[in-house]
Amino acid sequence: MHDTVWFEIQGLPAVTIASSEFNEAAITQRNALGMPDAPFVLVDHPIQDATDDEMRDKAKAVFDKMLAALSG
């Protein structure tokens, strides 16, 4: 969230992508950083043991959400 907030302050669209396990952490961080509307998209958890093909599938599953978050 720190990078997303920094880029947004610079006027550059940004979105955080995180594992669904970190939903509450993302909300807490964006509020703490003073940007409660900072966008984030969640990828299905877990990711640490995912194969390359599984990661591609996870990325494809959130691609449209990511684009929507970037275009506001």
Protein backbone atom coordinates (compact mmCIF):
# COMPACT_ATOMS: atom_id res chain seq x y z
CA MET A 1 0.00 0.00 0.00
CA HIS A 2 2.88 2.38 0.66
CA ASP A 3 3.93 2.36 -2.99
CA THR A 4 0.36 2.75 -4.22
CA VAL A 5 -0.20 5.75 -1.94
CA TRP A 6 3.12 7.30 -3.01
CA PHE A 7 2.31 6.91 -6.71
CA GLU A 8 -1.23 8.23 -6.24
CA ILE A 9 0.15 11.32 -4.43
CA GLN A 10 2.41 11.86 -7.44
CA GLY A 11 -0.67 11.78 -9.68
CA LEU A 12 0.16 8.38 -11.14
CA PRO A 13 -2.54 5.70 -11.09
CA ALA A 14 -1.50 2.70 -9.02
CA VAL A 15 -3.06 -0.38 -7.49
CA THR A 16 -1.78 -2.77 -4.84
CA ILE A 17 -2.12 -6.47 -5.61
CA ALA A 18 -2.10 -8.73 -2.58
CA SER A 19 -3.12 -12.17 -1.45
CA SER A 20 -6.69 -12.38 -0.16
CA GLU A 21 -5.22 -13.23 3.24
CA PHE A 22 -4.16 -9.58 3.53
CA ASN A 23 -7.51 -7.86 2.95
CA GLU A 24 -7.76 -6.40 6.45
CA ALA A 25 -4.09 -5.38 6.43
CA ALA A 26 -4.57 -3.49 3.16
CA ILE A 27 -7.58 -1.64 4.54
CA THR A 28 -5.75 -0.80 7.76
CA GLN A 29 -2.65 0.42 5.93
CA ARG A 30 -4.45 2.62 3.42
CA ASN A 31 -6.40 4.23 6.28
CA ALA A 32 -3.23 4.71 8.33
CA LEU A 33 -1.52 6.27 5.32
CA GLY A 34 -4.33 8.78 4.94
CA MET A 35 -5.71 7.49 1.66
CA PRO A 36 -8.75 5.34 2.52
CA ASP A 37 -9.71 5.01 -1.14
CA ALA A 38 -6.31 3.73 -2.33
CA PRO A 39 -7.18 0.83 -4.64
CA PHE A 40 -6.16 -2.74 -4.10
CA VAL A 41 -7.02 -6.05 -5.75
CA LEU A 42 -6.86 -9.39 -4.01
CA VAL A 43 -5.50 -12.58 -5.57
CA ASP A 44 -6.73 -15.91 -4.22
CA HIS A 45 -4.61 -17.18 -1.36
CA PRO A 46 -2.25 -19.00 -1.08
CA ILE A 47 0.35 -17.93 -3.58
CA GLN A 48 3.66 -19.07 -2.07
CA ASP A 49 3.22 -22.69 -3.21
CA ALA A 50 1.50 -21.94 -6.51
CA THR A 51 3.05 -23.18 -9.72
CA ASP A 52 3.78 -20.78 -12.56
CA ASP A 53 0.62 -21.93 -14.34
CA GLU A 54 -1.46 -21.42 -11.18
CA MET A 55 -0.01 -17.93 -10.78
CA ARG A 56 -0.90 -17.12 -14.38
CA ASP A 57 -4.46 -18.27 -13.70
CA LYS A 58 -4.62 -16.14 -10.56
CA ALA A 59 -3.34 -13.12 -12.48
CA LYS A 60 -5.84 -13.65 -15.29
CA ALA A 61 -8.66 -13.91 -12.74
CA VAL A 62 -7.98 -10.40 -11.40
CA PHE A 63 -6.74 -8.66 -14.54
CA ASP A 64 -10.02 -6.86 -15.28
CA LYS A 65 -10.34 -5.78 -11.64
CA MET A 66 -6.82 -4.40 -11.77
CA LEU A 67 -7.53 -2.40 -14.91
CA ALA A 68 -10.76 -1.08 -13.40
CA ALA A 69 -8.92 -0.01 -10.26
CA LEU A 70 -6.31 1.80 -12.34
CA SER A 71 -8.86 3.64 -14.45
CA GLY A 72 -10.83 4.69 -11.39
